[in-house]
PDB file of N, CA and C in Angstrom:
ATOM      1  N   MET A   1     -11.785 -30.422  10.490  1.00  0.00           N
ATOM      2  CA  MET A   1     -11.146 -29.743   9.380  1.00  0.00           C
ATOM      3  C   MET A   1     -12.178 -28.991   8.545  1.00  0.00           C
ATOM      4  N   VAL A   2     -13.297 -29.651   8.248  1.00  0.00           N
ATOM      5  CA  VAL A   2     -14.351 -29.018   7.474  1.00  0.00           C
ATOM      6  C   VAL A   2     -14.966 -27.871   8.270  1.00  0.00           C
ATOM      7  N   ARG A   3     -15.115 -28.067   9.576  1.00  0.00           N
ATOM      8  CA  ARG A   3     -15.686 -27.007  10.415  1.00  0.00           C
ATOM      9  C   ARG A   3     -14.798 -25.780  10.417  1.00  0.00           C
ATOM     10  N   LYS A   4     -13.482 -25.985  10.438  1.00  0.00           N
ATOM     11  CA  LYS A   4     -12.560 -24.847  10.416  1.00  0.00           C
ATOM     12  C   LYS A   4     -12.680 -24.099   9.097  1.00  0.00           C
ATOM     13  N   ALA A   5     -12.787 -24.835   8.008  1.00  0.00           N
ATOM     14  CA  ALA A   5     -12.921 -24.200   6.699  1.00  0.00           C
ATOM     15  C   ALA A   5     -14.227 -23.426   6.610  1.00  0.00           C
ATOM     16  N   LEU A   6     -15.308 -24.018   7.116  1.00  0.00           N
ATOM     17  CA  LEU A   6     -16.596 -23.324   7.115  1.00  0.00           C
ATOM     18  C   LEU A   6     -16.555 -22.077   7.984  1.00  0.00           C
ATOM     19  N   LEU A   7     -15.884 -22.176   9.128  1.00  0.00           N
ATOM     20  CA  LEU A   7     -15.761 -21.012   9.999  1.00  0.00           C
ATOM     21  C   LEU A   7     -14.994 -19.898   9.283  1.00  0.00           C
ATOM     22  N   SER A   8     -13.918 -20.251   8.619  1.00  0.00           N
ATOM     23  CA  SER A   8     -13.131 -19.248   7.896  1.00  0.00           C
ATOM     24  C   SER A   8     -13.975 -18.568   6.824  1.00  0.00           C
ATOM     25  N   VAL A   9     -14.708 -19.349   6.072  1.00  0.00           N
ATOM     26  CA  VAL A   9     -15.565 -18.800   5.029  1.00  0.00           C
ATOM     27  C   VAL A   9     -16.639 -17.910   5.642  1.00  0.00           C
ATOM     28  N   ALA A  10     -17.233 -18.361   6.734  1.00  0.00           N
ATOM     29  CA  ALA A  10     -18.286 -17.576   7.388  1.00  0.00           C
ATOM     30  C   ALA A  10     -17.742 -16.249   7.906  1.00  0.00           C
ATOM     31  N   VAL A  11     -16.562 -16.295   8.485  1.00  0.00           N
ATOM     32  CA  VAL A  11     -15.968 -15.069   9.023  1.00  0.00           C
ATOM     33  C   VAL A  11     -15.687 -14.079   7.899  1.00  0.00           C
ATOM     34  N   ILE A  12     -15.159 -14.565   6.805  1.00  0.00           N
ATOM     35  CA  ILE A  12     -14.873 -13.693   5.666  1.00  0.00           C
ATOM     36  C   ILE A  12     -16.157 -13.111   5.113  1.00  0.00           C
ATOM     37  N   LEU A  13     -17.191 -13.936   5.003  1.00  0.00           N
ATOM     38  CA  LEU A  13     -18.471 -13.440   4.493  1.00  0.00           C
ATOM     39  C   LEU A  13     -19.065 -12.375   5.408  1.00  0.00           C
ATOM     40  N   VAL A  14     -18.939 -12.561   6.718  1.00  0.00           N
ATOM     41  CA  VAL A  14     -19.451 -11.563   7.657  1.00  0.00           C
ATOM     42  C   VAL A  14     -18.679 -10.256   7.505  1.00  0.00           C
ATOM     43  N   ALA A  15     -17.374 -10.348   7.355  1.00  0.00           N
ATOM     44  CA  ALA A  15     -16.563  -9.135   7.187  1.00  0.00           C
ATOM     45  C   ALA A  15     -16.936  -8.405   5.902  1.00  0.00           C
ATOM     46  N   VAL A  16     -17.110  -9.161   4.825  1.00  0.00           N
ATOM     47  CA  VAL A  16     -17.497  -8.545   3.554  1.00  0.00           C
ATOM     48  C   VAL A  16     -18.901  -7.954   3.668  1.00  0.00           C
ATOM     49  N   TRP A  17     -19.805  -8.674   4.319  1.00  0.00           N
ATOM     50  CA  TRP A  17     -21.171  -8.172   4.495  1.00  0.00           C
ATOM     51  C   TRP A  17     -21.166  -6.869   5.284  1.00  0.00           C
ATOM     52  N   ALA A  18     -20.404  -6.826   6.382  1.00  0.00           N
ATOM     53  CA  ALA A  18     -20.355  -5.621   7.209  1.00  0.00           C
ATOM     54  C   ALA A  18     -19.811  -4.441   6.418  1.00  0.00           C
ATOM     55  N   THR A  19     -18.816  -4.699   5.606  1.00  0.00           N
ATOM     56  CA  THR A  19     -18.252  -3.629   4.792  1.00  0.00           C
ATOM     57  C   THR A  19     -19.250  -3.202   3.727  1.00  0.00           C
ATOM     58  N   GLY A  20     -19.962  -4.154   3.158  1.00  0.00           N
ATOM     59  CA  GLY A  20     -20.992  -3.830   2.167  1.00  0.00           C
ATOM     60  C   GLY A  20     -22.095  -2.981   2.772  1.00  0.00           C
ATOM     61  N   LYS A  21     -22.470  -3.289   4.007  1.00  0.00           N
ATOM     62  CA  LYS A  21     -23.487  -2.482   4.693  1.00  0.00           C
ATOM     63  C   LYS A  21     -22.976  -1.063   4.898  1.00  0.00           C
ATOM     64  N   ALA A  22     -21.701  -0.926   5.221  1.00  0.00           N
ATOM     65  CA  ALA A  22     -21.123   0.411   5.404  1.00  0.00           C
ATOM     66  C   ALA A  22     -21.160   1.191   4.091  1.00  0.00           C
ATOM     67  N   GLN A  23     -20.876   0.511   2.992  1.00  0.00           N
ATOM     68  CA  GLN A  23     -20.919   1.172   1.688  1.00  0.00           C
ATOM     69  C   GLN A  23     -22.353   1.531   1.317  1.00  0.00           C
ATOM     70  N   GLU A  24     -23.296   0.656   1.656  1.00  0.00           N
ATOM     71  CA  GLU A  24     -24.703   0.921   1.377  1.00  0.00           C
ATOM     72  C   GLU A  24     -25.156   2.168   2.124  1.00  0.00           C
ATOM     73  N   THR A  25     -24.725   2.291   3.371  1.00  0.00           N
ATOM     74  CA  THR A  25     -25.048   3.470   4.167  1.00  0.00           C
ATOM     75  C   THR A  25     -24.474   4.714   3.507  1.00  0.00           C
ATOM     76  N   GLU A  26     -23.257   4.579   2.997  1.00  0.00           N
ATOM     77  CA  GLU A  26     -22.613   5.705   2.332  1.00  0.00           C
ATOM     78  C   GLU A  26     -23.399   6.111   1.085  1.00  0.00           C
ATOM     79  N   GLN A  27     -23.830   5.142   0.305  1.00  0.00           N
ATOM     80  CA  GLN A  27     -24.552   5.433  -0.925  1.00  0.00           C
ATOM     81  C   GLN A  27     -25.922   6.049  -0.640  1.00  0.00           C
ATOM     82  N   ASN A  28     -26.486   5.718   0.492  1.00  0.00           N
ATOM     83  CA  ASN A  28     -27.783   6.277   0.858  1.00  0.00           C
ATOM     84  C   ASN A  28     -27.652   7.627   1.545  1.00  0.00           C
ATOM     85  N   GLY A  29     -26.431   8.167   1.602  1.00  0.00           N
ATOM     86  CA  GLY A  29     -26.228   9.486   2.175  1.00  0.00           C
ATOM     87  C   GLY A  29     -26.170   9.514   3.687  1.00  0.00           C
ATOM     88  N   GLY A  30     -26.095   8.376   4.323  1.00  0.00           N
ATOM     89  CA  GLY A  30     -26.057   8.331   5.781  1.00  0.00           C
ATOM     90  C   GLY A  30     -24.643   8.207   6.306  1.00  0.00           C
ATOM     91  N   GLY A  31     -23.977   9.322   6.556  1.00  0.00           N
ATOM     92  CA  GLY A  31     -22.639   9.287   7.145  1.00  0.00           C
ATOM     93  C   GLY A  31     -21.607   8.727   6.195  1.00  0.00           C
ATOM     94  N   ALA A  32     -21.451   9.338   5.059  1.00  0.00           N
ATOM     95  CA  ALA A  32     -20.531   8.856   4.035  1.00  0.00           C
ATOM     96  C   ALA A  32     -19.138   8.612   4.610  1.00  0.00           C
ATOM     97  N   LEU A  33     -18.668   7.379   4.498  1.00  0.00           N
ATOM     98  CA  LEU A  33     -17.339   7.014   4.977  1.00  0.00           C
ATOM     99  C   LEU A  33     -16.326   7.205   3.861  1.00  0.00           C
ATOM    100  N   THR A  34     -15.179   7.725   4.214  1.00  0.00           N
ATOM    101  CA  THR A  34     -14.094   7.843   3.240  1.00  0.00           C
ATOM    102  C   THR A  34     -13.456   6.471   3.045  1.00  0.00           C
ATOM    103  N   LEU A  35     -12.628   6.356   2.033  1.00  0.00           N
ATOM    104  CA  LEU A  35     -11.908   5.093   1.815  1.00  0.00           C
ATOM    105  C   LEU A  35     -11.067   4.737   3.042  1.00  0.00           C
ATOM    106  N   GLU A  36     -10.428   5.736   3.614  1.00  0.00           N
ATOM    107  CA  GLU A  36      -9.587   5.496   4.784  1.00  0.00           C
ATOM    108  C   GLU A  36     -10.413   5.010   5.974  1.00  0.00           C
ATOM    109  N   GLU A  37     -11.580   5.596   6.166  1.00  0.00           N
ATOM    110  CA  GLU A  37     -12.449   5.169   7.269  1.00  0.00           C
ATOM    111  C   GLU A  37     -12.941   3.741   7.058  1.00  0.00           C
ATOM    112  N   GLN A  38     -13.255   3.397   5.813  1.00  0.00           N
ATOM    113  CA  GLN A  38     -13.678   2.034   5.519  1.00  0.00           C
ATOM    114  C   GLN A  38     -12.528   1.061   5.753  1.00  0.00           C
ATOM    115  N   ALA A  39     -11.316   1.469   5.400  1.00  0.00           N
ATOM    116  CA  ALA A  39     -10.146   0.619   5.619  1.00  0.00           C
ATOM    117  C   ALA A  39      -9.908   0.394   7.108  1.00  0.00           C
ATOM    118  N   VAL A  40     -10.056   1.447   7.898  1.00  0.00           N
ATOM    119  CA  VAL A  40      -9.890   1.332   9.354  1.00  0.00           C
ATOM    120  C   VAL A  40     -10.941   0.383   9.923  1.00  0.00           C
ATOM    121  N   GLN A  41     -12.165   0.507   9.442  1.00  0.00           N
ATOM    122  CA  GLN A  41     -13.255  -0.353   9.891  1.00  0.00           C
ATOM    123  C   GLN A  41     -12.977  -1.821   9.533  1.00  0.00           C
ATOM    124  N   TYR A  42     -12.503  -2.048   8.322  1.00  0.00           N
ATOM    125  CA  TYR A  42     -12.216  -3.413   7.875  1.00  0.00           C
ATOM    126  C   TYR A  42     -11.049  -3.990   8.673  1.00  0.00           C
ATOM    127  N   LYS A  43     -10.020  -3.186   8.914  1.00  0.00           N
ATOM    128  CA  LYS A  43      -8.870  -3.628   9.706  1.00  0.00           C
ATOM    129  C   LYS A  43      -9.322  -4.035  11.099  1.00  0.00           C
ATOM    130  N   ALA A  44     -10.174  -3.221  11.710  1.00  0.00           N
ATOM    131  CA  ALA A  44     -10.679  -3.534  13.048  1.00  0.00           C
ATOM    132  C   ALA A  44     -11.457  -4.849  13.041  1.00  0.00           C
ATOM    133  N   THR A  45     -12.215  -5.082  11.979  1.00  0.00           N
ATOM    134  CA  THR A  45     -12.976  -6.324  11.873  1.00  0.00           C
ATOM    135  C   THR A  45     -12.049  -7.529  11.785  1.00  0.00           C
ATOM    136  N   VAL A  46     -11.036  -7.433  10.940  1.00  0.00           N
ATOM    137  CA  VAL A  46     -10.077  -8.542  10.789  1.00  0.00           C
ATOM    138  C   VAL A  46      -9.379  -8.822  12.111  1.00  0.00           C
ATOM    139  N   LEU A  47      -8.908  -7.782  12.774  1.00  0.00           N
ATOM    140  CA  LEU A  47      -8.201  -7.975  14.045  1.00  0.00           C
ATOM    141  C   LEU A  47      -9.138  -8.508  15.133  1.00  0.00           C
ATOM    142  N   MET A  48     -10.409  -8.110  15.105  1.00  0.00           N
ATOM    143  CA  MET A  48     -11.384  -8.627  16.064  1.00  0.00           C
ATOM    144  C   MET A  48     -11.612 -10.130  15.835  1.00  0.00           C
ATOM    145  N   VAL A  49     -11.717 -10.527  14.587  1.00  0.00           N
ATOM    146  CA  VAL A  49     -11.913 -11.945  14.277  1.00  0.00           C
ATOM    147  C   VAL A  49     -10.715 -12.759  14.766  1.00  0.00           C
ATOM    148  N   LEU A  50      -9.507 -12.257  14.514  1.00  0.00           N
ATOM    149  CA  LEU A  50      -8.311 -12.967  14.977  1.00  0.00           C
ATOM    150  C   LEU A  50      -8.275 -13.031  16.507  1.00  0.00           C
ATOM    151  N   ALA A  51      -8.637 -11.948  17.163  1.00  0.00           N
ATOM    152  CA  ALA A  51      -8.654 -11.937  18.632  1.00  0.00           C
ATOM    153  C   ALA A  51      -9.675 -12.936  19.170  1.00  0.00           C
ATOM    154  N   ASN A  52     -10.840 -12.984  18.551  1.00  0.00           N
ATOM    155  CA  ASN A  52     -11.865 -13.945  18.984  1.00  0.00           C
ATOM    156  C   ASN A  52     -11.395 -15.376  18.770  1.00  0.00           C
ATOM    157  N   ARG A  53     -10.720 -15.621  17.661  1.00  0.00           N
ATOM    158  CA  ARG A  53     -10.212 -16.967  17.382  1.00  0.00           C
ATOM    159  C   ARG A  53      -9.129 -17.355  18.382  1.00  0.00           C
ATOM    160  N   ALA A  54      -8.334 -16.383  18.791  1.00  0.00           N
ATOM    161  CA  ALA A  54      -7.228 -16.644  19.716  1.00  0.00           C
ATOM    162  C   ALA A  54      -7.707 -17.025  21.109  1.00  0.00           C
ATOM    163  N   THR A  55      -8.954 -16.720  21.436  1.00  0.00           N
ATOM    164  CA  THR A  55      -9.452 -17.035  22.777  1.00  0.00           C
ATOM    165  C   THR A  55      -9.516 -18.536  23.039  1.00  0.00           C
ATOM    166  N   SER A  56      -9.486 -19.336  21.984  1.00  0.00           N
ATOM    167  CA  SER A  56      -9.540 -20.790  22.175  1.00  0.00           C
ATOM    168  C   SER A  56      -8.162 -21.391  22.444  1.00  0.00           C
ATOM    169  N   LEU A  57      -7.134 -20.558  22.423  1.00  0.00           N
ATOM    170  CA  LEU A  57      -5.780 -21.051  22.657  1.00  0.00           C
ATOM    171  C   LEU A  57      -5.406 -20.940  24.128  1.00  0.00           C
ATOM    172  N   PRO A  58      -4.528 -21.828  24.596  1.00  0.00           N
ATOM    173  CA  PRO A  58      -4.105 -21.752  26.003  1.00  0.00           C
ATOM    174  C   PRO A  58      -3.267 -20.493  26.257  1.00  0.00           C
ATOM    175  N   ALA A  59      -3.184 -20.098  27.499  1.00  0.00           N
ATOM    176  CA  ALA A  59      -2.485 -18.864  27.877  1.00  0.00           C
ATOM    177  C   ALA A  59      -1.015 -18.878  27.474  1.00  0.00           C
ATOM    178  N   GLU A  60      -0.392 -20.039  27.486  1.00  0.00           N
ATOM    179  CA  GLU A  60       1.024 -20.109  27.126  1.00  0.00           C
ATOM    180  C   GLU A  60       1.278 -19.792  25.650  1.00  0.00           C
ATOM    181  N   SER A  61       0.226 -19.735  24.858  1.00  0.00           N
ATOM    182  CA  SER A  61       0.358 -19.381  23.443  1.00  0.00           C
ATOM    183  C   SER A  61       0.314 -17.872  23.214  1.00  0.00           C
ATOM    184  N   GLU A  62       0.113 -17.116  24.272  1.00  0.00           N
ATOM    185  CA  GLU A  62      -0.061 -15.670  24.146  1.00  0.00           C
ATOM    186  C   GLU A  62       1.069 -14.968  23.376  1.00  0.00           C
ATOM    187  N   PRO A  63       2.354 -15.288  23.635  1.00  0.00           N
ATOM    188  CA  PRO A  63       3.415 -14.616  22.858  1.00  0.00           C
ATOM    189  C   PRO A  63       3.321 -14.913  21.357  1.00  0.00           C
ATOM    190  N   ALA A  64       3.009 -16.142  21.009  1.00  0.00           N
ATOM    191  CA  ALA A  64       2.878 -16.499  19.596  1.00  0.00           C
ATOM    192  C   ALA A  64       1.666 -15.825  18.975  1.00  0.00           C
ATOM    193  N   VAL A  65       0.585 -15.717  19.729  1.00  0.00           N
ATOM    194  CA  VAL A  65      -0.613 -15.023  19.240  1.00  0.00           C
ATOM    195  C   VAL A  65      -0.293 -13.555  18.986  1.00  0.00           C
ATOM    196  N   ALA A  66       0.473 -12.949  19.889  1.00  0.00           N
ATOM    197  CA  ALA A  66       0.857 -11.547  19.718  1.00  0.00           C
ATOM    198  C   ALA A  66       1.644 -11.351  18.428  1.00  0.00           C
ATOM    199  N   VAL A  67       2.496 -12.307  18.092  1.00  0.00           N
ATOM    200  CA  VAL A  67       3.266 -12.236  16.847  1.00  0.00           C
ATOM    201  C   VAL A  67       2.330 -12.318  15.642  1.00  0.00           C
ATOM    202  N   VAL A  68       1.364 -13.216  15.684  1.00  0.00           N
ATOM    203  CA  VAL A  68       0.405 -13.362  14.585  1.00  0.00           C
ATOM    204  C   VAL A  68      -0.385 -12.066  14.401  1.00  0.00           C
ATOM    205  N   VAL A  69      -0.849 -11.493  15.490  1.00  0.00           N
ATOM    206  CA  VAL A  69      -1.642 -10.261  15.410  1.00  0.00           C
ATOM    207  C   VAL A  69      -0.782  -9.099  14.913  1.00  0.00           C
ATOM    208  N   GLU A  70       0.461  -9.023  15.377  1.00  0.00           N
ATOM    209  CA  GLU A  70       1.357  -7.950  14.927  1.00  0.00           C
ATOM    210  C   GLU A  70       1.645  -8.075  13.432  1.00  0.00           C
ATOM    211  N   GLU A  71       1.893  -9.296  12.966  1.00  0.00           N
ATOM    212  CA  GLU A  71       2.120  -9.503  11.534  1.00  0.00           C
ATOM    213  C   GLU A  71       0.884  -9.128  10.725  1.00  0.00           C
ATOM    214  N   ALA A  72      -0.287  -9.500  11.220  1.00  0.00           N
ATOM    215  CA  ALA A  72      -1.535  -9.153  10.529  1.00  0.00           C
ATOM    216  C   ALA A  72      -1.705  -7.640  10.477  1.00  0.00           C
ATOM    217  N   THR A  73      -1.381  -6.963  11.571  1.00  0.00           N
ATOM    218  CA  THR A  73      -1.493  -5.504  11.613  1.00  0.00           C
ATOM    219  C   THR A  73      -0.566  -4.870  10.579  1.00  0.00           C
ATOM    220  N   GLN A  74       0.665  -5.345  10.517  1.00  0.00           N
ATOM    221  CA  GLN A  74       1.620  -4.807   9.548  1.00  0.00           C
ATOM    222  C   GLN A  74       1.165  -5.069   8.114  1.00  0.00           C
ATOM    223  N   GLN A  75       0.640  -6.265   7.857  1.00  0.00           N
ATOM    224  CA  GLN A  75       0.167  -6.586   6.513  1.00  0.00           C
ATOM    225  C   GLN A  75      -1.044  -5.742   6.137  1.00  0.00           C
ATOM    226  N   LEU A  76      -1.939  -5.517   7.087  1.00  0.00           N
ATOM    227  CA  LEU A  76      -3.104  -4.669   6.816  1.00  0.00           C
ATOM    228  C   LEU A  76      -2.683  -3.226   6.552  1.00  0.00           C
ATOM    229  N   ASP A  77      -1.652  -2.769   7.252  1.00  0.00           N
ATOM    230  CA  ASP A  77      -1.124  -1.431   6.991  1.00  0.00           C
ATOM    231  C   ASP A  77      -0.541  -1.353   5.581  1.00  0.00           C
ATOM    232  N   ALA A  78       0.111  -2.418   5.147  1.00  0.00           N
ATOM    233  CA  ALA A  78       0.640  -2.460   3.778  1.00  0.00           C
ATOM    234  C   ALA A  78      -0.515  -2.462   2.772  1.00  0.00           C
ATOM    235  N   CYS A  79      -1.584  -3.166   3.093  1.00  0.00           N
ATOM    236  CA  CYS A  79      -2.774  -3.148   2.233  1.00  0.00           C
ATOM    237  C   CYS A  79      -3.332  -1.733   2.140  1.00  0.00           C
ATOM    238  N   ALA A  80      -3.364  -1.029   3.267  1.00  0.00           N
ATOM    239  CA  ALA A  80      -3.885   0.339   3.299  1.00  0.00           C
ATOM    240  C   ALA A  80      -3.017   1.273   2.467  1.00  0.00           C
ATOM    241  N   ALA A  81      -1.713   1.035   2.467  1.00  0.00           N
ATOM    242  CA  ALA A  81      -0.826   1.857   1.639  1.00  0.00           C
ATOM    243  C   ALA A  81      -1.181   1.679   0.173  1.00  0.00           C
ATOM    244  N   GLY A  82      -1.510   0.464  -0.218  1.00  0.00           N
ATOM    245  CA  GLY A  82      -1.951   0.213  -1.587  1.00  0.00           C
ATOM    246  C   GLY A  82      -3.264   0.894  -1.892  1.00  0.00           C
ATOM    247  N   LEU A  83      -4.124   0.981  -0.910  1.00  0.00           N
ATOM    248  CA  LEU A  83      -5.414   1.658  -1.087  1.00  0.00           C
ATOM    249  C   LEU A  83      -5.197   3.139  -1.374  1.00  0.00           C
ATOM    250  N   GLN A  84      -4.243   3.744  -0.682  1.00  0.00           N
ATOM    251  CA  GLN A  84      -3.957   5.164  -0.899  1.00  0.00           C
ATOM    252  C   GLN A  84      -3.463   5.417  -2.319  1.00  0.00           C
ATOM    253  N   VAL A  85      -2.740   4.443  -2.879  1.00  0.00           N
ATOM    254  CA  VAL A  85      -2.206   4.598  -4.233  1.00  0.00           C
ATOM    255  C   VAL A  85      -3.285   4.336  -5.277  1.00  0.00           C
ATOM    256  N   HIS A  86      -4.003   3.243  -5.135  1.00  0.00           N
ATOM    257  CA  HIS A  86      -4.938   2.805  -6.173  1.00  0.00           C
ATOM    258  C   HIS A  86      -6.366   3.306  -5.983  1.00  0.00           C
ATOM    259  N   GLN A  87      -6.727   3.695  -4.755  1.00  0.00           N
ATOM    260  CA  GLN A  87      -8.068   4.210  -4.459  1.00  0.00           C
ATOM    261  C   GLN A  87      -9.180   3.218  -4.823  1.00  0.00           C
ATOM    262  N   GLN A  88      -8.898   1.936  -4.651  1.00  0.00           N
ATOM    263  CA  GLN A  88      -9.904   0.914  -4.961  1.00  0.00           C
ATOM    264  C   GLN A  88     -10.091   0.030  -3.741  1.00  0.00           C
ATOM    265  N   LEU A  89     -11.230   0.185  -3.093  1.00  0.00           N
ATOM    266  CA  LEU A  89     -11.505  -0.528  -1.857  1.00  0.00           C
ATOM    267  C   LEU A  89     -11.530  -2.039  -2.060  1.00  0.00           C
ATOM    268  N   TRP A  90     -12.005  -2.498  -3.187  1.00  0.00           N
ATOM    269  CA  TRP A  90     -12.084  -3.950  -3.399  1.00  0.00           C
ATOM    270  C   TRP A  90     -10.699  -4.574  -3.351  1.00  0.00           C
ATOM    271  N   GLN A  91      -9.668  -3.881  -3.844  1.00  0.00           N
ATOM    272  CA  GLN A  91      -8.311  -4.424  -3.776  1.00  0.00           C
ATOM    273  C   GLN A  91      -7.857  -4.532  -2.324  1.00  0.00           C
ATOM    274  N   TYR A  92      -8.219  -3.543  -1.531  1.00  0.00           N
ATOM    275  CA  TYR A  92      -7.879  -3.585  -0.107  1.00  0.00           C
ATOM    276  C   TYR A  92      -8.570  -4.770   0.568  1.00  0.00           C
ATOM    277  N   LYS A  93      -9.820  -4.999   0.225  1.00  0.00           N
ATOM    278  CA  LYS A  93     -10.566  -6.099   0.835  1.00  0.00           C
ATOM    279  C   LYS A  93      -9.987  -7.454   0.444  1.00  0.00           C
ATOM    280  N   VAL A  94      -9.558  -7.589  -0.802  1.00  0.00           N
ATOM    281  CA  VAL A  94      -8.928  -8.838  -1.229  1.00  0.00           C
ATOM    282  C   VAL A  94      -7.642  -9.055  -0.433  1.00  0.00           C
ATOM    283  N   CYS A  95      -6.857  -7.995  -0.307  1.00  0.00           N
ATOM    284  CA  CYS A  95      -5.621  -8.062   0.471  1.00  0.00           C
ATOM    285  C   CYS A  95      -5.934  -8.393   1.936  1.00  0.00           C
ATOM    286  N   GLY A  96      -6.914  -7.700   2.502  1.00  0.00           N
ATOM    287  CA  GLY A  96      -7.305  -7.932   3.890  1.00  0.00           C
ATOM    288  C   GLY A  96      -7.847  -9.328   4.124  1.00  0.00           C
ATOM    289  N   SER A  97      -8.574  -9.864   3.163  1.00  0.00           N
ATOM    290  CA  SER A  97      -9.099 -11.227   3.287  1.00  0.00           C
ATOM    291  C   SER A  97      -7.964 -12.244   3.294  1.00  0.00           C
ATOM    292  N   ALA A  98      -6.933 -11.995   2.499  1.00  0.00           N
ATOM    293  CA  ALA A  98      -5.766 -12.884   2.491  1.00  0.00           C
ATOM    294  C   ALA A  98      -5.052 -12.822   3.837  1.00  0.00           C
ATOM    295  N   VAL A  99      -4.937 -11.626   4.400  1.00  0.00           N
ATOM    296  CA  VAL A  99      -4.318 -11.464   5.719  1.00  0.00           C
ATOM    297  C   VAL A  99      -5.131 -12.210   6.771  1.00  0.00           C
ATOM    298  N   LEU A 100      -6.441 -12.078   6.713  1.00  0.00           N
ATOM    299  CA  LEU A 100      -7.313 -12.776   7.655  1.00  0.00           C
ATOM    300  C   LEU A 100      -7.129 -14.282   7.548  1.00  0.00           C
ATOM    301  N   GLN A 101      -7.114 -14.793   6.346  1.00  0.00           N
ATOM    302  CA  GLN A 101      -6.955 -16.234   6.149  1.00  0.00           C
ATOM    303  C   GLN A 101      -5.600 -16.712   6.675  1.00  0.00           C
ATOM    304  N   GLN A 102      -4.545 -15.954   6.412  1.00  0.00           N
ATOM    305  CA  GLN A 102      -3.219 -16.316   6.928  1.00  0.00           C
ATOM    306  C   GLN A 102      -3.212 -16.323   8.451  1.00  0.00           C
ATOM    307  N   GLY A 103      -3.840 -15.313   9.048  1.00  0.00           N
ATOM    308  CA  GLY A 103      -3.897 -15.246  10.505  1.00  0.00           C
ATOM    309  C   GLY A 103      -4.670 -16.404  11.105  1.00  0.00           C
ATOM    310  N   LEU A 104      -5.810 -16.729  10.501  1.00  0.00           N
ATOM    311  CA  LEU A 104      -6.607 -17.862  10.996  1.00  0.00           C
ATOM    312  C   LEU A 104      -5.838 -19.172  10.848  1.00  0.00           C
ATOM    313  N   ASN A 105      -5.136 -19.336   9.731  1.00  0.00           N
ATOM    314  CA  ASN A 105      -4.324 -20.540   9.541  1.00  0.00           C
ATOM    315  C   ASN A 105      -3.215 -20.632  10.580  1.00  0.00           C
ATOM    316  N   ALA A 106      -2.559 -19.505  10.870  1.00  0.00           N
ATOM    317  CA  ALA A 106      -1.492 -19.498  11.871  1.00  0.00           C
ATOM    318  C   ALA A 106      -2.041 -19.840  13.251  1.00  0.00           C
ATOM    319  N   LEU A 107      -3.197 -19.291  13.594  1.00  0.00           N
ATOM    320  CA  LEU A 107      -3.796 -19.597  14.891  1.00  0.00           C
ATOM    321  C   LEU A 107      -4.246 -21.051  14.971  1.00  0.00           C
ATOM    322  N   SER A 108      -4.737 -21.594  13.876  1.00  0.00           N
ATOM    323  CA  SER A 108      -5.117 -23.011  13.852  1.00  0.00           C
ATOM    324  C   SER A 108      -3.895 -23.902  14.023  1.00  0.00           C
ATOM    325  N   ALA A 109      -2.790 -23.507  13.394  1.00  0.00           N
ATOM    326  CA  ALA A 109      -1.546 -24.276  13.541  1.00  0.00           C
ATOM    327  C   ALA A 109      -1.055 -24.224  14.986  1.00  0.00           C
ATOM    328  N   LEU A 110      -1.169 -23.067  15.626  1.00  0.00           N
ATOM    329  CA  LEU A 110      -0.804 -22.955  17.037  1.00  0.00           C
ATOM    330  C   LEU A 110      -1.670 -23.850  17.898  1.00  0.00           C
ATOM    331  N   GLN A 111      -2.955 -23.865  17.586  1.00  0.00           N
ATOM    332  CA  GLN A 111      -3.875 -24.685  18.362  1.00  0.00           C
ATOM    333  C   GLN A 111      -3.514 -26.165  18.199  1.00  0.00           C
ATOM    334  N   ALA A 112      -3.225 -26.573  16.977  1.00  0.00           N
ATOM    335  CA  ALA A 112      -2.856 -27.967  16.731  1.00  0.00           C
ATOM    336  C   ALA A 112      -1.549 -28.313  17.439  1.00  0.00           C
ATOM    337  N   ALA A 113      -0.590 -27.394  17.413  1.00  0.00           N
ATOM    338  CA  ALA A 113       0.690 -27.632  18.052  1.00  0.00           C
ATOM    339  C   ALA A 113       0.557 -27.749  19.575  1.00  0.00           C
ATOM    340  N   ASN A 114      -0.380 -27.032  20.131  1.00  0.00           N
ATOM    341  CA  ASN A 114      -0.576 -27.057  21.583  1.00  0.00           C
ATOM    342  C   ASN A 114      -1.553 -28.144  22.022  1.00  0.00           C
ATOM    343  N   GLY A 115      -2.155 -28.812  21.064  1.00  0.00           N
ATOM    344  CA  GLY A 115      -3.108 -29.850  21.397  1.00  0.00           C
ATOM    345  C   GLY A 115      -4.367 -29.317  22.045  1.00  0.00           C
ATOM    346  N   ALA A 116      -4.649 -28.040  21.819  1.00  0.00           N
ATOM    347  CA  ALA A 116      -5.844 -27.429  22.397  1.00  0.00           C
ATOM    348  C   ALA A 116      -7.077 -27.924  21.660  1.00  0.00           C
ATOM    349  N   SER A 117      -8.162 -28.041  22.373  1.00  0.00           N
ATOM    350  CA  SER A 117      -9.391 -28.483  21.727  1.00  0.00           C
ATOM    351  C   SER A 117     -10.021 -27.344  20.976  1.00  0.00           C
ATOM    352  N   ALA A 118     -10.603 -27.651  19.845  1.00  0.00           N
ATOM    353  CA  ALA A 118     -11.235 -26.628  19.005  1.00  0.00           C
ATOM    354  C   ALA A 118     -12.492 -26.137  19.689  1.00  0.00           C
ATOM    355  N   SER A 119     -12.691 -24.826  19.611  1.00  0.00           N
ATOM    356  CA  SER A 119     -13.916 -24.258  20.198  1.00  0.00           C
ATOM    357  C   SER A 119     -14.869 -23.833  19.103  1.00  0.00           C
ATOM    358  N   VAL A 120     -14.782 -24.457  17.971  1.00  0.00           N
ATOM    359  CA  VAL A 120     -15.599 -24.112  16.811  1.00  0.00           C
ATOM    360  C   VAL A 120     -16.946 -24.757  16.914  1.00  0.00           C
TER     361      VAL A 120
END
């Protein structure tokens, strides 16, 4: 249980760090990313983390995993819509972090339901 919580925190920190590095690059004049490009990058990171987490689940969980990923995609798109209105990347990241946490929790619940061993 503690390992899962630490993994979740670590994944979120890596995502925030990667986004911070992208912003640092932008501030240094190296390939300035627009808000939309940063949002796309963050979305890809969240979905990659969920996909990596899903690899520890048995094959019969694939339909349920697809539902989790689809819901996360829709929620991230809703977060992006808010970004277009408010133009504040930090709000998008908070929204995206909540989506990531929900997705990781759903995948952990699937793993527990299937009795799969943790690969953490």
